[in-house]
Amino acid sequence: MHYPIKVIIGLFAATLCLSGHVGGVQAEAPEKSKTTTTPPPGGVPGGTVARAATADVQHGKTLFKENCEACHQEEGRGKPGFAPSLTNPELLTAASDRFLTATIREGRAPTPMPPFGEILKASDIQDIIGYLRSYSQASVIGDQLDASPPGMGDPHLGKRLFAQICAGCHGPNGEGYESSGSGTAIGKPGFLSKASAGFIRYIILHGRSNTPMRGFSGPGGLANLTNEEVDGLVAYLRSLRN
């Protein structure tokens, strides 16, 4: 079938328009929005935390190098017996922004971790947290852990277990590095006033990779603790606040 030349030209022009070409030049796609969001306190319940803007992460990295890196080492990888890793995925999954903010702002008395609340602005602290979170793409469940029930564990059972499987690294009473162990001070008020029972339970079960702290769940754990035993350890540690 033969079409008039005007019809052929019209069909060709329509084809160019549909394919995004005008006058032989491909039309540009609309520019994607460059808007980013900073993470709300505690992240997004049940989902991946909103990522901080690139500029805020870079600012956080600069602040980290100036204020934190001397102890926590480059990229926050930590040093056993000196300062803990801050960029392992288990910590970044379990720690709410509330927990991290309070730790940076108030420090961890009585340990060498000082308070930075009078040195850094609130926005500076959030930028440091954004920088730390840039090392993990995992969902942040800190808010859910902080809101979970404290449990009804037996602190006497927990005390016995702590002496058997925790004291070698964390010290007989959780005093941490001052006992010449490789573990952090989990029996001090600077930690226990900020860490929820859910956070402690999660770290006991899952550990913290790239540190001596391995999890206590499953055949690959340091020990395969029952729920009752984990709750006992949590109850014992929480009792040390008193």
Protein backbone atom coordinates (compact mmCIF):
# COMPACT_ATOMS: atom_id res chain seq x y z
CA MET A 1 0.00 0.00 0.00
CA HIS A 2 1.38 3.42 -0.94
CA TYR A 3 0.87 6.46 1.36
CA PRO A 4 0.99 10.11 0.24
CA ILE A 5 4.31 11.80 1.01
CA LYS A 6 2.62 14.21 3.52
CA VAL A 7 1.30 11.26 5.54
CA ILE A 8 4.75 9.63 5.62
CA ILE A 9 6.36 12.89 6.85
CA GLY A 10 3.69 13.27 9.53
CA LEU A 11 4.21 9.72 10.81
CA PHE A 12 7.98 10.24 10.92
CA ALA A 13 7.63 13.48 12.94
CA ALA A 14 5.29 11.79 15.39
CA THR A 15 7.79 8.97 15.85
CA LEU A 16 10.55 11.48 16.66
CA CYS A 17 8.37 13.15 19.28
CA LEU A 18 7.44 9.87 20.97
CA SER A 19 11.08 8.76 21.12
CA GLY A 20 12.19 12.03 22.71
CA HIS A 21 13.96 13.46 19.65
CA VAL A 22 13.25 16.95 18.36
CA GLY A 23 15.23 18.36 15.49
CA GLY A 24 17.68 15.44 15.70
CA VAL A 25 18.54 16.12 19.42
CA GLN A 26 17.40 13.71 22.14
CA ALA A 27 15.25 15.41 24.75
CA GLU A 28 16.76 15.36 28.23
CA ALA A 29 14.95 13.48 30.97
CA PRO A 30 13.70 15.61 33.85
CA GLU A 31 16.40 16.08 36.47
CA LYS A 32 15.90 13.89 39.51
CA SER A 33 15.30 15.63 42.78
CA LYS A 34 18.47 16.16 44.76
CA THR A 35 16.58 16.54 48.00
CA THR A 36 17.81 14.28 50.77
CA THR A 37 16.55 13.74 54.24
CA THR A 38 18.43 13.48 57.47
CA PRO A 39 17.57 10.62 59.79
CA PRO A 40 14.92 11.30 62.43
CA PRO A 41 15.80 10.40 66.02
CA GLY A 42 16.05 6.63 66.30
CA GLY A 43 15.67 6.00 62.59
CA VAL A 44 12.60 4.68 60.83
CA PRO A 45 10.74 1.99 62.79
CA GLY A 46 10.77 -1.26 60.87
CA GLY A 47 12.71 0.13 57.93
CA THR A 48 16.01 1.50 56.72
CA VAL A 49 16.95 4.77 58.30
CA ALA A 50 16.75 7.79 56.01
CA ARG A 51 20.27 8.59 54.89
CA ALA A 52 21.89 11.90 55.74
CA ALA A 53 22.77 14.32 52.97
CA THR A 54 26.25 13.85 51.51
CA ALA A 55 27.42 17.23 52.80
CA ASP A 56 26.29 16.36 56.33
CA VAL A 57 28.09 13.01 56.19
CA GLN A 58 31.29 14.73 55.06
CA HIS A 59 30.95 17.25 57.86
CA GLY A 60 30.40 14.39 60.29
CA LYS A 61 33.52 12.67 58.98
CA THR A 62 35.56 15.83 59.57
CA LEU A 63 34.20 16.18 63.10
CA PHE A 64 34.87 12.51 63.79
CA LYS A 65 38.50 12.86 62.71
CA GLU A 66 38.91 15.93 64.91
CA ASN A 67 37.19 14.63 68.04
CA CYS A 68 36.87 10.83 67.96
CA GLU A 69 39.44 9.18 65.73
CA ALA A 70 42.33 9.39 68.20
CA CYS A 71 40.57 6.79 70.35
CA HIS A 72 38.12 5.04 68.02
CA GLN A 73 40.67 4.81 65.20
CA GLU A 74 40.29 5.49 61.50
CA GLU A 75 36.80 4.81 60.14
CA GLY A 76 35.66 4.08 63.69
CA ARG A 77 36.99 0.53 63.59
CA GLY A 78 38.11 0.67 67.24
CA LYS A 79 40.96 -1.01 69.07
CA PRO A 80 40.36 -3.89 71.52
CA GLY A 81 41.21 -2.91 75.06
CA PHE A 82 41.37 0.78 74.14
CA ALA A 83 38.17 1.97 72.42
CA PRO A 84 35.25 0.07 70.85
CA SER A 85 34.36 -0.13 67.18
CA LEU A 86 31.57 2.26 66.22
CA THR A 87 30.99 1.13 62.65
CA ASN A 88 30.21 -2.58 62.96
CA PRO A 89 26.76 -3.42 61.52
CA GLU A 90 25.37 -4.97 64.70
CA LEU A 91 25.90 -1.77 66.70
CA LEU A 92 24.51 0.43 63.94
CA THR A 93 21.46 -1.82 63.65
CA ALA A 94 20.72 -1.95 67.37
CA ALA A 95 21.65 1.58 68.45
CA SER A 96 18.95 4.21 68.25
CA ASP A 97 19.85 7.81 67.52
CA ARG A 98 18.78 8.51 71.11
CA PHE A 99 21.42 6.10 72.41
CA LEU A 100 24.18 7.44 70.17
CA THR A 101 23.29 11.08 70.83
CA ALA A 102 23.27 10.60 74.61
CA THR A 103 26.60 8.76 74.47
CA ILE A 104 28.32 11.50 72.48
CA ARG A 105 26.71 14.33 74.42
CA GLU A 106 27.13 12.92 77.94
CA GLY A 107 30.11 10.57 77.56
CA ARG A 108 30.50 7.30 79.43
CA ALA A 109 31.32 8.08 83.04
CA PRO A 110 33.49 6.84 84.63
CA THR A 111 35.53 5.83 81.56
CA PRO A 112 37.93 7.80 79.34
CA MET A 113 35.01 8.63 77.01
CA PRO A 114 34.37 12.33 77.75
CA PRO A 115 31.17 14.32 77.19
CA PHE A 116 31.09 16.42 74.02
CA GLY A 117 27.87 18.28 74.76
CA GLU A 118 29.67 21.55 75.48
CA ILE A 119 32.01 21.21 72.50
CA LEU A 120 29.69 20.07 69.72
CA LYS A 121 26.35 21.53 68.66
CA ALA A 122 23.33 19.27 68.41
CA SER A 123 23.58 19.41 64.61
CA ASP A 124 27.26 18.43 64.81
CA ILE A 125 26.38 15.35 66.85
CA GLN A 126 23.71 14.38 64.31
CA ASP A 127 26.26 14.76 61.50
CA ILE A 128 28.67 12.44 63.31
CA ILE A 129 25.86 9.90 63.72
CA GLY A 130 25.04 10.26 60.02
CA TYR A 131 28.69 9.59 59.19
CA LEU A 132 28.77 6.47 61.39
CA ARG A 133 25.52 5.19 59.87
CA SER A 134 26.98 5.58 56.38
CA TYR A 135 29.00 2.42 57.10
CA SER A 136 25.88 0.24 57.20
CA GLN A 137 22.89 -0.10 54.91
CA ALA A 138 21.03 -2.38 57.33
CA SER A 139 17.69 -1.42 58.83
CA VAL A 140 17.92 0.42 62.14
CA ILE A 141 15.76 -1.21 64.80
CA GLY A 142 17.00 0.79 67.79
CA ASP A 143 13.64 2.39 68.52
CA GLN A 144 11.91 -0.98 68.63
CA LEU A 145 14.61 -2.44 70.86
CA ASP A 146 14.43 0.53 73.22
CA ALA A 147 10.66 0.11 73.47
CA SER A 148 10.75 -3.65 74.04
CA PRO A 149 9.80 -4.97 77.51
CA PRO A 150 12.71 -5.22 79.96
CA GLY A 151 11.93 -8.87 80.62
CA MET A 152 11.67 -10.82 83.84
CA GLY A 153 15.04 -12.53 83.92
CA ASP A 154 16.67 -13.94 87.05
CA PRO A 155 19.61 -11.68 88.01
CA HIS A 156 21.12 -14.42 90.18
CA LEU A 157 21.30 -16.74 87.16
CA GLY A 158 22.68 -13.84 85.15
CA LYS A 159 25.39 -13.14 87.72
CA ARG A 160 26.59 -16.75 87.58
CA LEU A 161 26.62 -16.73 83.78
CA PHE A 162 28.40 -13.38 83.68
CA ALA A 163 31.21 -14.74 85.87
CA GLN A 164 31.55 -17.77 83.60
CA ILE A 165 31.37 -16.27 80.11
CA CYS A 166 31.61 -12.46 80.28
CA ALA A 167 33.97 -11.46 83.08
CA GLY A 168 37.09 -12.61 81.23
CA CYS A 169 36.69 -9.74 78.76
CA HIS A 170 34.46 -7.24 80.56
CA GLY A 171 35.86 -7.63 84.09
CA PRO A 172 34.32 -9.27 87.17
CA ASN A 173 31.82 -6.45 87.60
CA GLY A 174 31.70 -5.17 84.04
CA GLU A 175 34.36 -2.52 84.68
CA GLY A 176 35.79 -2.96 81.19
CA TYR A 177 39.26 -1.89 80.12
CA GLU A 178 40.35 -0.92 83.63
CA SER A 179 40.35 -4.65 84.44
CA SER A 180 42.84 -5.16 81.56
CA GLY A 181 40.22 -6.93 79.49
CA SER A 182 39.35 -6.41 75.85
CA GLY A 183 35.68 -5.72 76.56
CA THR A 184 33.95 -2.41 77.20
CA ALA A 185 32.61 -1.18 80.55
CA ILE A 186 29.10 -2.62 80.42
CA GLY A 187 28.67 -2.50 84.20
CA LYS A 188 29.17 1.26 84.54
CA PRO A 189 26.38 3.85 84.86
CA GLY A 190 27.58 5.70 81.76
CA PHE A 191 26.51 2.70 79.68
CA LEU A 192 23.60 1.33 81.70
CA SER A 193 21.84 4.71 81.94
CA LYS A 194 21.63 4.82 78.13
CA ALA A 195 21.41 1.20 76.95
CA SER A 196 17.94 -0.35 76.94
CA ALA A 197 17.30 -3.96 77.88
CA GLY A 198 16.43 -4.64 74.23
CA PHE A 199 19.74 -3.21 73.05
CA ILE A 200 21.72 -5.31 75.55
CA ARG A 201 19.77 -8.44 74.60
CA TYR A 202 20.43 -7.88 70.89
CA ILE A 203 24.20 -7.43 71.36
CA ILE A 204 24.43 -10.54 73.57
CA LEU A 205 22.72 -12.58 70.88
CA HIS A 206 24.43 -11.12 67.81
CA GLY A 207 27.77 -9.83 69.07
CA ARG A 208 29.71 -7.08 67.30
CA SER A 209 31.67 -8.13 64.23
CA ASN A 210 35.27 -6.96 63.81
CA THR A 211 35.60 -7.02 67.60
CA PRO A 212 36.34 -9.79 70.12
CA MET A 213 32.63 -9.77 71.02
CA ARG A 214 30.95 -12.66 69.24
CA GLY A 215 27.32 -13.52 69.62
CA PHE A 216 25.95 -16.02 72.14
CA SER A 217 23.30 -17.53 69.90
CA GLY A 218 23.41 -20.59 67.67
CA PRO A 219 26.13 -23.16 67.02
CA GLY A 220 28.55 -20.48 65.79
CA GLY A 221 28.25 -18.43 68.95
CA LEU A 222 30.57 -18.32 71.92
CA ALA A 223 27.76 -20.18 73.68
CA ASN A 224 24.25 -21.04 72.55
CA LEU A 225 22.32 -19.37 75.35
CA THR A 226 18.64 -19.97 75.95
CA ASN A 227 16.19 -17.08 76.16
CA GLU A 228 16.06 -17.60 79.92
CA GLU A 229 19.83 -17.29 80.19
CA VAL A 230 19.96 -14.17 78.01
CA ASP A 231 17.21 -12.56 80.06
CA GLY A 232 19.14 -13.45 83.21
CA LEU A 233 22.25 -11.69 81.92
CA VAL A 234 20.21 -8.63 80.98
CA ALA A 235 18.56 -8.56 84.41
CA TYR A 236 21.93 -8.86 86.14
CA LEU A 237 23.47 -6.03 84.13
CA ARG A 238 20.44 -3.80 84.71
CA SER A 239 20.75 -4.48 88.44
CA LEU A 240 24.23 -2.94 88.42
CA ARG A 241 22.68 0.49 87.89
CA ASN A 242 21.56 0.48 91.54
